[in-house]
Amino acid sequence: MRLLPEPGPARTLALSTLVNTVGRGTWLTVSALFLTRSVGLTVAQVGVALSVTALVSLVASTPMGYLADRHGPRGLQLAALVASAVCTAALVAVRSFAAFLVVGVLMAVADSATRGARGR
């Protein structure tokens, strides 16, 4: 039994999904500490921002699934993973509540697009 798919697009998708999942899990684990200690946000601001991003992700799920059906899941998945990488890198520049809210909302949309492309 093989752990990885055959070389080609399926393997690339599996590896990119693995990297994205590990990165997302790491971010969820340390986000509260990073945002309160390094960025200087209050606990209430972090809670509000994470709630807003969760709501945006929920609302964006249906349109992203429609885009995947209309234009194909491969392109949407690729665009979503690139957008997610850019947003993750942008977290280094976050120094305010507004900046985190903008980056968080963009990350939520990218995450919804990734899920829509995978059919979840």
PDB file of N, CA and C in Angstrom:
ATOM      1  N   MET A   1       0.843  -1.184   0.000  1.00  0.00           N
ATOM      2  CA  MET A   1       0.000   0.000   0.000  1.00  0.00           C
ATOM      3  C   MET A   1       0.888   1.247   0.000  1.00  0.00           C
ATOM      4  N   ARG A   2       0.662   2.120  -0.958  1.00  0.00           N
ATOM      5  CA  ARG A   2       1.474   3.330  -1.093  1.00  0.00           C
ATOM      6  C   ARG A   2       0.852   4.481  -0.323  1.00  0.00           C
ATOM      7  N   LEU A   3       1.701   5.271   0.311  1.00  0.00           N
ATOM      8  CA  LEU A   3       1.213   6.443   1.025  1.00  0.00           C
ATOM      9  C   LEU A   3       0.996   7.624   0.095  1.00  0.00           C
ATOM     10  N   LEU A   4       1.787   7.705  -0.968  1.00  0.00           N
ATOM     11  CA  LEU A   4       1.672   8.815  -1.913  1.00  0.00           C
ATOM     12  C   LEU A   4       1.087   8.328  -3.229  1.00  0.00           C
ATOM     13  N   PRO A   5       0.315   9.192  -3.891  1.00  0.00           N
ATOM     14  CA  PRO A   5      -0.157   8.823  -5.232  1.00  0.00           C
ATOM     15  C   PRO A   5       1.009   8.731  -6.204  1.00  0.00           C
ATOM     16  N   GLU A   6       0.728   8.207  -7.379  1.00  0.00           N
ATOM     17  CA  GLU A   6       1.739   8.121  -8.434  1.00  0.00           C
ATOM     18  C   GLU A   6       2.265   9.515  -8.757  1.00  0.00           C
ATOM     19  N   PRO A   7       3.516   9.640  -9.224  1.00  0.00           N
ATOM     20  CA  PRO A   7       4.042  10.956  -9.607  1.00  0.00           C
ATOM     21  C   PRO A   7       3.140  11.637 -10.638  1.00  0.00           C
ATOM     22  N   GLY A   8       2.993  12.938 -10.478  1.00  0.00           N
ATOM     23  CA  GLY A   8       2.148  13.706 -11.380  1.00  0.00           C
ATOM     24  C   GLY A   8       1.260  14.659 -10.610  1.00  0.00           C
ATOM     25  N   PRO A   9       0.185  15.092 -11.227  1.00  0.00           N
ATOM     26  CA  PRO A   9      -0.689  16.087 -10.608  1.00  0.00           C
ATOM     27  C   PRO A   9      -1.312  15.637  -9.285  1.00  0.00           C
ATOM     28  N   ALA A  10      -1.674  14.369  -9.178  1.00  0.00           N
ATOM     29  CA  ALA A  10      -2.282  13.887  -7.941  1.00  0.00           C
ATOM     30  C   ALA A  10      -1.297  13.972  -6.767  1.00  0.00           C
ATOM     31  N   ARG A  11      -0.047  13.650  -7.027  1.00  0.00           N
ATOM     32  CA  ARG A  11       0.965  13.739  -5.970  1.00  0.00           C
ATOM     33  C   ARG A  11       1.217  15.200  -5.585  1.00  0.00           C
ATOM     34  N   THR A  12       1.287  16.065  -6.581  1.00  0.00           N
ATOM     35  CA  THR A  12       1.491  17.493  -6.311  1.00  0.00           C
ATOM     36  C   THR A  12       0.348  18.040  -5.459  1.00  0.00           C
ATOM     37  N   LEU A  13      -0.881  17.662  -5.803  1.00  0.00           N
ATOM     38  CA  LEU A  13      -2.040  18.099  -5.028  1.00  0.00           C
ATOM     39  C   LEU A  13      -1.985  17.554  -3.607  1.00  0.00           C
ATOM     40  N   ALA A  14      -1.619  16.296  -3.449  1.00  0.00           N
ATOM     41  CA  ALA A  14      -1.531  15.691  -2.117  1.00  0.00           C
ATOM     42  C   ALA A  14      -0.477  16.391  -1.269  1.00  0.00           C
ATOM     43  N   LEU A  15       0.687  16.676  -1.850  1.00  0.00           N
ATOM     44  CA  LEU A  15       1.750  17.342  -1.092  1.00  0.00           C
ATOM     45  C   LEU A  15       1.386  18.782  -0.757  1.00  0.00           C
ATOM     46  N   SER A  16       0.759  19.499  -1.692  1.00  0.00           N
ATOM     47  CA  SER A  16       0.360  20.880  -1.408  1.00  0.00           C
ATOM     48  C   SER A  16      -0.723  20.910  -0.342  1.00  0.00           C
ATOM     49  N   THR A  17      -1.611  19.935  -0.355  1.00  0.00           N
ATOM     50  CA  THR A  17      -2.645  19.852   0.677  1.00  0.00           C
ATOM     51  C   THR A  17      -2.025  19.546   2.031  1.00  0.00           C
ATOM     52  N   LEU A  18      -1.014  18.680   2.056  1.00  0.00           N
ATOM     53  CA  LEU A  18      -0.317  18.373   3.309  1.00  0.00           C
ATOM     54  C   LEU A  18       0.352  19.611   3.883  1.00  0.00           C
ATOM     55  N   VAL A  19       1.079  20.342   3.037  1.00  0.00           N
ATOM     56  CA  VAL A  19       1.755  21.557   3.503  1.00  0.00           C
ATOM     57  C   VAL A  19       0.737  22.564   4.010  1.00  0.00           C
ATOM     58  N   ASN A  20      -0.359  22.741   3.276  1.00  0.00           N
ATOM     59  CA  ASN A  20      -1.394  23.685   3.677  1.00  0.00           C
ATOM     60  C   ASN A  20      -2.037  23.274   5.001  1.00  0.00           C
ATOM     61  N   THR A  21      -2.295  21.993   5.187  1.00  0.00           N
ATOM     62  CA  THR A  21      -2.941  21.512   6.401  1.00  0.00           C
ATOM     63  C   THR A  21      -2.019  21.649   7.612  1.00  0.00           C
ATOM     64  N   VAL A  22      -0.765  21.305   7.448  1.00  0.00           N
ATOM     65  CA  VAL A  22       0.192  21.451   8.558  1.00  0.00           C
ATOM     66  C   VAL A  22       0.355  22.935   8.914  1.00  0.00           C
ATOM     67  N   GLY A  23       0.478  23.762   7.906  1.00  0.00           N
ATOM     68  CA  GLY A  23       0.608  25.200   8.153  1.00  0.00           C
ATOM     69  C   GLY A  23      -0.614  25.772   8.836  1.00  0.00           C
ATOM     70  N   ARG A  24      -1.795  25.376   8.390  1.00  0.00           N
ATOM     71  CA  ARG A  24      -3.043  25.868   8.999  1.00  0.00           C
ATOM     72  C   ARG A  24      -3.132  25.415  10.448  1.00  0.00           C
ATOM     73  N   GLY A  25      -2.798  24.165  10.713  1.00  0.00           N
ATOM     74  CA  GLY A  25      -2.835  23.665  12.086  1.00  0.00           C
ATOM     75  C   GLY A  25      -1.850  24.382  12.990  1.00  0.00           C
ATOM     76  N   THR A  26      -0.663  24.648  12.464  1.00  0.00           N
ATOM     77  CA  THR A  26       0.333  25.393  13.239  1.00  0.00           C
ATOM     78  C   THR A  26      -0.158  26.800  13.532  1.00  0.00           C
ATOM     79  N   TRP A  27      -0.728  27.451  12.517  1.00  0.00           N
ATOM     80  CA  TRP A  27      -1.249  28.809  12.703  1.00  0.00           C
ATOM     81  C   TRP A  27      -2.352  28.825  13.756  1.00  0.00           C
ATOM     82  N   LEU A  28      -3.271  27.875  13.682  1.00  0.00           N
ATOM     83  CA  LEU A  28      -4.364  27.841  14.656  1.00  0.00           C
ATOM     84  C   LEU A  28      -3.850  27.608  16.067  1.00  0.00           C
ATOM     85  N   THR A  29      -2.763  26.879  16.179  1.00  0.00           N
ATOM     86  CA  THR A  29      -2.193  26.598  17.487  1.00  0.00           C
ATOM     87  C   THR A  29      -1.521  27.819  18.112  1.00  0.00           C
ATOM     88  N   VAL A  30      -0.818  28.598  17.311  1.00  0.00           N
ATOM     89  CA  VAL A  30      -0.025  29.701  17.875  1.00  0.00           C
ATOM     90  C   VAL A  30      -0.584  31.096  17.587  1.00  0.00           C
ATOM     91  N   SER A  31      -1.708  31.172  16.889  1.00  0.00           N
ATOM     92  CA  SER A  31      -2.218  32.488  16.472  1.00  0.00           C
ATOM     93  C   SER A  31      -2.540  33.403  17.644  1.00  0.00           C
ATOM     94  N   ALA A  32      -3.177  32.874  18.669  1.00  0.00           N
ATOM     95  CA  ALA A  32      -3.542  33.724  19.804  1.00  0.00           C
ATOM     96  C   ALA A  32      -2.299  34.302  20.485  1.00  0.00           C
ATOM     97  N   LEU A  33      -1.272  33.481  20.652  1.00  0.00           N
ATOM     98  CA  LEU A  33      -0.036  33.979  21.264  1.00  0.00           C
ATOM     99  C   LEU A  33       0.644  35.017  20.380  1.00  0.00           C
ATOM    100  N   PHE A  34       0.747  34.739  19.099  1.00  0.00           N
ATOM    101  CA  PHE A  34       1.383  35.677  18.177  1.00  0.00           C
ATOM    102  C   PHE A  34       0.640  37.013  18.168  1.00  0.00           C
ATOM    103  N   LEU A  35      -0.669  36.952  18.053  1.00  0.00           N
ATOM    104  CA  LEU A  35      -1.448  38.182  17.921  1.00  0.00           C
ATOM    105  C   LEU A  35      -1.473  39.003  19.205  1.00  0.00           C
ATOM    106  N   THR A  36      -1.478  38.354  20.359  1.00  0.00           N
ATOM    107  CA  THR A  36      -1.512  39.112  21.610  1.00  0.00           C
ATOM    108  C   THR A  36      -0.123  39.557  22.058  1.00  0.00           C
ATOM    109  N   ARG A  37       0.871  38.714  21.882  1.00  0.00           N
ATOM    110  CA  ARG A  37       2.202  39.064  22.387  1.00  0.00           C
ATOM    111  C   ARG A  37       3.072  39.801  21.380  1.00  0.00           C
ATOM    112  N   SER A  38       3.068  39.378  20.137  1.00  0.00           N
ATOM    113  CA  SER A  38       3.936  40.010  19.140  1.00  0.00           C
ATOM    114  C   SER A  38       3.290  41.211  18.466  1.00  0.00           C
ATOM    115  N   VAL A  39       2.019  41.074  18.105  1.00  0.00           N
ATOM    116  CA  VAL A  39       1.330  42.166  17.417  1.00  0.00           C
ATOM    117  C   VAL A  39       0.814  43.192  18.417  1.00  0.00           C
ATOM    118  N   GLY A  40       0.397  42.729  19.594  1.00  0.00           N
ATOM    119  CA  GLY A  40      -0.091  43.642  20.620  1.00  0.00           C
ATOM    120  C   GLY A  40      -1.598  43.821  20.628  1.00  0.00           C
ATOM    121  N   LEU A  41      -2.332  42.919  20.002  1.00  0.00           N
ATOM    122  CA  LEU A  41      -3.786  43.001  20.030  1.00  0.00           C
ATOM    123  C   LEU A  41      -4.305  42.518  21.368  1.00  0.00           C
ATOM    124  N   THR A  42      -5.480  43.011  21.740  1.00  0.00           N
ATOM    125  CA  THR A  42      -6.103  42.528  22.970  1.00  0.00           C
ATOM    126  C   THR A  42      -6.775  41.191  22.675  1.00  0.00           C
ATOM    127  N   VAL A  43      -7.105  40.469  23.733  1.00  0.00           N
ATOM    128  CA  VAL A  43      -7.784  39.191  23.575  1.00  0.00           C
ATOM    129  C   VAL A  43      -9.141  39.406  22.895  1.00  0.00           C
ATOM    130  N   ALA A  44      -9.829  40.494  23.254  1.00  0.00           N
ATOM    131  CA  ALA A  44     -11.122  40.794  22.628  1.00  0.00           C
ATOM    132  C   ALA A  44     -10.967  41.053  21.131  1.00  0.00           C
ATOM    133  N   GLN A  45      -9.941  41.782  20.740  1.00  0.00           N
ATOM    134  CA  GLN A  45      -9.706  42.048  19.318  1.00  0.00           C
ATOM    135  C   GLN A  45      -9.427  40.754  18.554  1.00  0.00           C
ATOM    136  N   VAL A  46      -8.639  39.885  19.142  1.00  0.00           N
ATOM    137  CA  VAL A  46      -8.345  38.597  18.502  1.00  0.00           C
ATOM    138  C   VAL A  46      -9.632  37.798  18.345  1.00  0.00           C
ATOM    139  N   GLY A  47     -10.447  37.765  19.384  1.00  0.00           N
ATOM    140  CA  GLY A  47     -11.707  37.037  19.324  1.00  0.00           C
ATOM    141  C   GLY A  47     -12.643  37.586  18.254  1.00  0.00           C
ATOM    142  N   VAL A  48     -12.759  38.906  18.187  1.00  0.00           N
ATOM    143  CA  VAL A  48     -13.617  39.530  17.171  1.00  0.00           C
ATOM    144  C   VAL A  48     -13.085  39.233  15.771  1.00  0.00           C
ATOM    145  N   ALA A  49     -11.793  39.401  15.571  1.00  0.00           N
ATOM    146  CA  ALA A  49     -11.205  39.174  14.247  1.00  0.00           C
ATOM    147  C   ALA A  49     -11.358  37.725  13.809  1.00  0.00           C
ATOM    148  N   LEU A  50     -11.109  36.782  14.702  1.00  0.00           N
ATOM    149  CA  LEU A  50     -11.255  35.374  14.346  1.00  0.00           C
ATOM    150  C   LEU A  50     -12.724  35.013  14.097  1.00  0.00           C
ATOM    151  N   SER A  51     -13.638  35.632  14.817  1.00  0.00           N
ATOM    152  CA  SER A  51     -15.067  35.407  14.572  1.00  0.00           C
ATOM    153  C   SER A  51     -15.486  35.955  13.214  1.00  0.00           C
ATOM    154  N   VAL A  52     -15.001  37.151  12.879  1.00  0.00           N
ATOM    155  CA  VAL A  52     -15.317  37.740  11.580  1.00  0.00           C
ATOM    156  C   VAL A  52     -14.757  36.882  10.454  1.00  0.00           C
ATOM    157  N   THR A  53     -13.526  36.428  10.605  1.00  0.00           N
ATOM    158  CA  THR A  53     -12.936  35.603   9.545  1.00  0.00           C
ATOM    159  C   THR A  53     -13.670  34.271   9.405  1.00  0.00           C
ATOM    160  N   ALA A  54     -14.134  33.695  10.504  1.00  0.00           N
ATOM    161  CA  ALA A  54     -14.906  32.454  10.425  1.00  0.00           C
ATOM    162  C   ALA A  54     -16.230  32.690   9.703  1.00  0.00           C
ATOM    163  N   LEU A  55     -16.874  33.815   9.980  1.00  0.00           N
ATOM    164  CA  LEU A  55     -18.126  34.147   9.308  1.00  0.00           C
ATOM    165  C   LEU A  55     -17.905  34.369   7.813  1.00  0.00           C
ATOM    166  N   VAL A  56     -16.832  35.074   7.464  1.00  0.00           N
ATOM    167  CA  VAL A  56     -16.507  35.300   6.049  1.00  0.00           C
ATOM    168  C   VAL A  56     -16.248  33.965   5.355  1.00  0.00           C
ATOM    169  N   SER A  57     -15.531  33.084   6.007  1.00  0.00           N
ATOM    170  CA  SER A  57     -15.244  31.773   5.429  1.00  0.00           C
ATOM    171  C   SER A  57     -16.536  30.997   5.176  1.00  0.00           C
ATOM    172  N   LEU A  58     -17.457  31.067   6.114  1.00  0.00           N
ATOM    173  CA  LEU A  58     -18.733  30.378   5.965  1.00  0.00           C
ATOM    174  C   LEU A  58     -19.536  30.956   4.798  1.00  0.00           C
ATOM    175  N   VAL A  59     -19.606  32.276   4.716  1.00  0.00           N
ATOM    176  CA  VAL A  59     -20.378  32.934   3.662  1.00  0.00           C
ATOM    177  C   VAL A  59     -19.734  32.719   2.291  1.00  0.00           C
ATOM    178  N   ALA A  60     -18.418  32.686   2.240  1.00  0.00           N
ATOM    179  CA  ALA A  60     -17.704  32.543   0.963  1.00  0.00           C
ATOM    180  C   ALA A  60     -17.699  31.113   0.433  1.00  0.00           C
ATOM    181  N   SER A  61     -18.068  30.154   1.239  1.00  0.00           N
ATOM    182  CA  SER A  61     -17.992  28.750   0.824  1.00  0.00           C
ATOM    183  C   SER A  61     -18.844  28.439  -0.402  1.00  0.00           C
ATOM    184  N   THR A  62     -20.070  28.912  -0.411  1.00  0.00           N
ATOM    185  CA  THR A  62     -20.950  28.613  -1.540  1.00  0.00           C
ATOM    186  C   THR A  62     -20.472  29.256  -2.839  1.00  0.00           C
ATOM    187  N   PRO A  63     -20.129  30.556  -2.834  1.00  0.00           N
ATOM    188  CA  PRO A  63     -19.617  31.132  -4.086  1.00  0.00           C
ATOM    189  C   PRO A  63     -18.328  30.465  -4.573  1.00  0.00           C
ATOM    190  N   MET A  64     -17.474  30.045  -3.656  1.00  0.00           N
ATOM    191  CA  MET A  64     -16.235  29.391  -4.074  1.00  0.00           C
ATOM    192  C   MET A  64     -16.516  28.014  -4.667  1.00  0.00           C
ATOM    193  N   GLY A  65     -17.489  27.295  -4.124  1.00  0.00           N
ATOM    194  CA  GLY A  65     -17.886  26.023  -4.714  1.00  0.00           C
ATOM    195  C   GLY A  65     -18.457  26.225  -6.111  1.00  0.00           C
ATOM    196  N   TYR A  66     -19.229  27.296  -6.283  1.00  0.00           N
ATOM    197  CA  TYR A  66     -19.768  27.627  -7.606  1.00  0.00           C
ATOM    198  C   TYR A  66     -18.636  27.913  -8.591  1.00  0.00           C
ATOM    199  N   LEU A  67     -17.633  28.690  -8.145  1.00  0.00           N
ATOM    200  CA  LEU A  67     -16.495  28.976  -9.016  1.00  0.00           C
ATOM    201  C   LEU A  67     -15.756  27.701  -9.420  1.00  0.00           C
ATOM    202  N   ALA A  68     -15.616  26.793  -8.478  1.00  0.00           N
ATOM    203  CA  ALA A  68     -14.938  25.527  -8.792  1.00  0.00           C
ATOM    204  C   ALA A  68     -15.734  24.725  -9.817  1.00  0.00           C
ATOM    205  N   ASP A  69     -17.057  24.733  -9.688  1.00  0.00           N
ATOM    206  CA  ASP A  69     -17.892  24.024 -10.658  1.00  0.00           C
ATOM    207  C   ASP A  69     -17.855  24.702 -12.025  1.00  0.00           C
ATOM    208  N   ARG A  70     -17.841  25.998 -12.014  1.00  0.00           N
ATOM    209  CA  ARG A  70     -17.920  26.766 -13.264  1.00  0.00           C
ATOM    210  C   ARG A  70     -16.592  26.797 -14.022  1.00  0.00           C
ATOM    211  N   HIS A  71     -15.478  26.992 -13.309  1.00  0.00           N
ATOM    212  CA  HIS A  71     -14.178  27.190 -13.957  1.00  0.00           C
ATOM    213  C   HIS A  71     -13.194  26.051 -13.731  1.00  0.00           C
ATOM    214  N   GLY A  72     -13.587  25.061 -12.977  1.00  0.00           N
ATOM    215  CA  GLY A  72     -12.711  23.919 -12.744  1.00  0.00           C
ATOM    216  C   GLY A  72     -11.991  24.011 -11.406  1.00  0.00           C
ATOM    217  N   PRO A  73     -11.906  22.896 -10.694  1.00  0.00           N
ATOM    218  CA  PRO A  73     -11.293  22.897  -9.368  1.00  0.00           C
ATOM    219  C   PRO A  73      -9.780  23.083  -9.385  1.00  0.00           C
ATOM    220  N   ARG A  74      -9.119  22.662 -10.455  1.00  0.00           N
ATOM    221  CA  ARG A  74      -7.649  22.725 -10.477  1.00  0.00           C
ATOM    222  C   ARG A  74      -7.137  24.158 -10.406  1.00  0.00           C
ATOM    223  N   GLY A  75      -7.664  25.026 -11.259  1.00  0.00           N
ATOM    224  CA  GLY A  75      -7.226  26.419 -11.263  1.00  0.00           C
ATOM    225  C   GLY A  75      -7.578  27.130  -9.977  1.00  0.00           C
ATOM    226  N   LEU A  76      -8.772  26.854  -9.462  1.00  0.00           N
ATOM    227  CA  LEU A  76      -9.188  27.490  -8.212  1.00  0.00           C
ATOM    228  C   LEU A  76      -8.305  27.029  -7.059  1.00  0.00           C
ATOM    229  N   GLN A  77      -8.005  25.745  -7.016  1.00  0.00           N
ATOM    230  CA  GLN A  77      -7.133  25.214  -5.956  1.00  0.00           C
ATOM    231  C   GLN A  77      -5.756  25.864  -6.010  1.00  0.00           C
ATOM    232  N   LEU A  78      -5.201  25.961  -7.200  1.00  0.00           N
ATOM    233  CA  LEU A  78      -3.883  26.573  -7.360  1.00  0.00           C
ATOM    234  C   LEU A  78      -3.907  28.035  -6.931  1.00  0.00           C
ATOM    235  N   ALA A  79      -4.901  28.782  -7.396  1.00  0.00           N
ATOM    236  CA  ALA A  79      -5.007  30.199  -7.026  1.00  0.00           C
ATOM    237  C   ALA A  79      -5.206  30.354  -5.524  1.00  0.00           C
ATOM    238  N   ALA A  80      -6.010  29.486  -4.929  1.00  0.00           N
ATOM    239  CA  ALA A  80      -6.263  29.564  -3.488  1.00  0.00           C
ATOM    240  C   ALA A  80      -5.013  29.256  -2.675  1.00  0.00           C
ATOM    241  N   LEU A  81      -4.236  28.270  -3.109  1.00  0.00           N
ATOM    242  CA  LEU A  81      -3.006  27.941  -2.381  1.00  0.00           C
ATOM    243  C   LEU A  81      -1.971  29.065  -2.493  1.00  0.00           C
ATOM    244  N   VAL A  82      -1.864  29.679  -3.658  1.00  0.00           N
ATOM    245  CA  VAL A  82      -0.944  30.815  -3.822  1.00  0.00           C
ATOM    246  C   VAL A  82      -1.413  31.990  -2.966  1.00  0.00           C
ATOM    247  N   ALA A  83      -2.718  32.275  -2.989  1.00  0.00           N
ATOM    248  CA  ALA A  83      -3.259  33.371  -2.172  1.00  0.00           C
ATOM    249  C   ALA A  83      -3.044  33.095  -0.691  1.00  0.00           C
ATOM    250  N   SER A  84      -3.231  31.856  -0.287  1.00  0.00           N
ATOM    251  CA  SER A  84      -3.015  31.484   1.109  1.00  0.00           C
ATOM    252  C   SER A  84      -1.556  31.673   1.514  1.00  0.00           C
ATOM    253  N   ALA A  85      -0.639  31.314   0.627  1.00  0.00           N
ATOM    254  CA  ALA A  85       0.790  31.500   0.915  1.00  0.00           C
ATOM    255  C   ALA A  85       1.135  32.979   1.037  1.00  0.00           C
ATOM    256  N   VAL A  86       0.590  33.797   0.156  1.00  0.00           N
ATOM    257  CA  VAL A  86       0.844  35.245   0.205  1.00  0.00           C
ATOM    258  C   VAL A  86       0.283  35.834   1.496  1.00  0.00           C
ATOM    259  N   CYS A  87      -0.927  35.422   1.855  1.00  0.00           N
ATOM    260  CA  CYS A  87      -1.540  35.933   3.091  1.00  0.00           C
ATOM    261  C   CYS A  87      -0.759  35.487   4.325  1.00  0.00           C
ATOM    262  N   THR A  88      -0.292  34.261   4.304  1.00  0.00           N
ATOM    263  CA  THR A  88       0.503  33.771   5.435  1.00  0.00           C
ATOM    264  C   THR A  88       1.790  34.585   5.578  1.00  0.00           C
ATOM    265  N   ALA A  89       2.434  34.866   4.465  1.00  0.00           N
ATOM    266  CA  ALA A  89       3.640  35.701   4.504  1.00  0.00           C
ATOM    267  C   ALA A  89       3.308  37.118   4.968  1.00  0.00           C
ATOM    268  N   ALA A  90       2.122  37.609   4.609  1.00  0.00           N
ATOM    269  CA  ALA A  90       1.713  38.964   5.002  1.00  0.00           C
ATOM    270  C   ALA A  90       1.485  39.089   6.503  1.00  0.00           C
ATOM    271  N   LEU A  91       1.289  37.974   7.187  1.00  0.00           N
ATOM    272  CA  LEU A  91       1.094  38.037   8.641  1.00  0.00           C
ATOM    273  C   LEU A  91       2.289  38.646   9.354  1.00  0.00           C
ATOM    274  N   VAL A  92       3.454  38.530   8.749  1.00  0.00           N
ATOM    275  CA  VAL A  92       4.658  39.108   9.351  1.00  0.00           C
ATOM    276  C   VAL A  92       4.541  40.632   9.446  1.00  0.00           C
ATOM    277  N   ALA A  93       3.823  41.242   8.499  1.00  0.00           N
ATOM    278  CA  ALA A  93       3.689  42.697   8.457  1.00  0.00           C
ATOM    279  C   ALA A  93       2.523  43.216   9.291  1.00  0.00           C
ATOM    280  N   VAL A  94       1.712  42.341   9.841  1.00  0.00           N
ATOM    281  CA  VAL A  94       0.541  42.770  10.615  1.00  0.00           C
ATOM    282  C   VAL A  94       1.000  43.428  11.915  1.00  0.00           C
ATOM    283  N   ARG A  95       0.534  44.647  12.127  1.00  0.00           N
ATOM    284  CA  ARG A  95       0.874  45.377  13.354  1.00  0.00           C
ATOM    285  C   ARG A  95      -0.326  46.076  13.973  1.00  0.00           C
ATOM    286  N   SER A  96      -1.530  45.822  13.416  1.00  0.00           N
ATOM    287  CA  SER A  96      -2.729  46.467  13.955  1.00  0.00           C
ATOM    288  C   SER A  96      -3.934  45.556  13.766  1.00  0.00           C
ATOM    289  N   PHE A  97      -5.010  45.907  14.460  1.00  0.00           N
ATOM    290  CA  PHE A  97      -6.246  45.147  14.347  1.00  0.00           C
ATOM    291  C   PHE A  97      -6.774  45.194  12.919  1.00  0.00           C
ATOM    292  N   ALA A  98      -6.779  46.374  12.315  1.00  0.00           N
ATOM    293  CA  ALA A  98      -7.295  46.524  10.948  1.00  0.00           C
ATOM    294  C   ALA A  98      -6.482  45.691   9.958  1.00  0.00           C
ATOM    295  N   ALA A  99      -5.164  45.718  10.088  1.00  0.00           N
ATOM    296  CA  ALA A  99      -4.310  44.939   9.184  1.00  0.00           C
ATOM    297  C   ALA A  99      -4.570  43.450   9.350  1.00  0.00           C
ATOM    298  N   PHE A 100      -4.716  43.001  10.595  1.00  0.00           N
ATOM    299  CA  PHE A 100      -4.997  41.581  10.811  1.00  0.00           C
ATOM    300  C   PHE A 100      -6.362  41.210  10.256  1.00  0.00           C
ATOM    301  N   LEU A 101      -7.341  42.102  10.405  1.00  0.00           N
ATOM    302  CA  LEU A 101      -8.670  41.821   9.880  1.00  0.00           C
ATOM    303  C   LEU A 101      -8.644  41.671   8.359  1.00  0.00           C
ATOM    304  N   VAL A 102      -7.915  42.537   7.673  1.00  0.00           N
ATOM    305  CA  VAL A 102      -7.812  42.452   6.215  1.00  0.00           C
ATOM    306  C   VAL A 102      -7.137  41.140   5.804  1.00  0.00           C
ATOM    307  N   VAL A 103      -6.001  40.837   6.409  1.00  0.00           N
ATOM    308  CA  VAL A 103      -5.280  39.608   6.063  1.00  0.00           C
ATOM    309  C   VAL A 103      -6.116  38.384   6.440  1.00  0.00           C
ATOM    310  N   GLY A 104      -6.763  38.431   7.591  1.00  0.00           N
ATOM    311  CA  GLY A 104      -7.587  37.309   8.025  1.00  0.00           C
ATOM    312  C   GLY A 104      -8.760  37.041   7.103  1.00  0.00           C
ATOM    313  N   VAL A 105      -9.413  38.105   6.636  1.00  0.00           N
ATOM    314  CA  VAL A 105     -10.540  37.936   5.709  1.00  0.00           C
ATOM    315  C   VAL A 105     -10.049  37.352   4.382  1.00  0.00           C
ATOM    316  N   LEU A 106      -8.923  37.839   3.888  1.00  0.00           N
ATOM    317  CA  LEU A 106      -8.377  37.288   2.644  1.00  0.00           C
ATOM    318  C   LEU A 106      -7.984  35.816   2.811  1.00  0.00           C
ATOM    319  N   MET A 107      -7.429  35.475   3.971  1.00  0.00           N
ATOM    320  CA  MET A 107      -7.097  34.075   4.240  1.00  0.00           C
ATOM    321  C   MET A 107      -8.353  33.211   4.309  1.00  0.00           C
ATOM    322  N   ALA A 108      -9.419  33.761   4.884  1.00  0.00           N
ATOM    323  CA  ALA A 108     -10.676  33.016   4.982  1.00  0.00           C
ATOM    324  C   ALA A 108     -11.257  32.734   3.604  1.00  0.00           C
ATOM    325  N   VAL A 109     -11.189  33.713   2.710  1.00  0.00           N
ATOM    326  CA  VAL A 109     -11.685  33.511   1.354  1.00  0.00           C
ATOM    327  C   VAL A 109     -10.833  32.461   0.633  1.00  0.00           C
ATOM    328  N   ALA A 110      -9.521  32.542   0.800  1.00  0.00           N
ATOM    329  CA  ALA A 110      -8.632  31.550   0.181  1.00  0.00           C
ATOM    330  C   ALA A 110      -8.909  30.155   0.728  1.00  0.00           C
ATOM    331  N   ASP A 111      -9.150  30.055   2.022  1.00  0.00           N
ATOM    332  CA  ASP A 111      -9.455  28.760   2.627  1.00  0.00           C
ATOM    333  C   ASP A 111     -10.778  28.215   2.095  1.00  0.00           C
ATOM    334  N   SER A 112     -11.762  29.084   1.933  1.00  0.00           N
ATOM    335  CA  SER A 112     -13.042  28.661   1.364  1.00  0.00           C
ATOM    336  C   SER A 112     -12.869  28.181  -0.074  1.00  0.00           C
ATOM    337  N   ALA A 113     -12.018  28.861  -0.813  1.00  0.00           N
ATOM    338  CA  ALA A 113     -11.758  28.454  -2.197  1.00  0.00           C
ATOM    339  C   ALA A 113     -11.081  27.087  -2.238  1.00  0.00           C
ATOM    340  N   THR A 114     -10.160  26.844  -1.324  1.00  0.00           N
ATOM    341  CA  THR A 114      -9.495  25.549  -1.270  1.00  0.00           C
ATOM    342  C   THR A 114     -10.504  24.440  -0.972  1.00  0.00           C
ATOM    343  N   ARG A 115     -11.355  24.676   0.008  1.00  0.00           N
ATOM    344  CA  ARG A 115     -12.381  23.688   0.336  1.00  0.00           C
ATOM    345  C   ARG A 115     -13.369  23.497  -0.808  1.00  0.00           C
ATOM    346  N   GLY A 116     -13.746  24.592  -1.462  1.00  0.00           N
ATOM    347  CA  GLY A 116     -14.660  24.494  -2.598  1.00  0.00           C
ATOM    348  C   GLY A 116     -14.067  23.697  -3.738  1.00  0.00           C
ATOM    349  N   ALA A 117     -12.780  23.879  -3.972  1.00  0.00           N
ATOM    350  CA  ALA A 117     -12.114  23.144  -5.056  1.00  0.00           C
ATOM    351  C   ALA A 117     -12.003  21.654  -4.736  1.00  0.00           C
ATOM    352  N   ARG A 118     -11.890  21.328  -3.469  1.00  0.00           N
ATOM    353  CA  ARG A 118     -11.807  19.912  -3.082  1.00  0.00           C
ATOM    354  C   ARG A 118     -13.175  19.264  -2.924  1.00  0.00           C
ATOM    355  N   GLY A 119     -14.235  20.079  -3.018  1.00  0.00           N
ATOM    356  CA  GLY A 119     -15.589  19.542  -2.917  1.00  0.00           C
ATOM    357  C   GLY A 119     -16.036  19.262  -1.500  1.00  0.00           C
ATOM    358  N   ARG A 120     -15.508  20.039  -0.538  1.00  0.00           N
ATOM    359  CA  ARG A 120     -15.926  19.856   0.856  1.00  0.00           C
ATOM    360  C   ARG A 120     -16.775  20.983   1.312  1.00  0.00           C
TER     361      ARG A 120
END
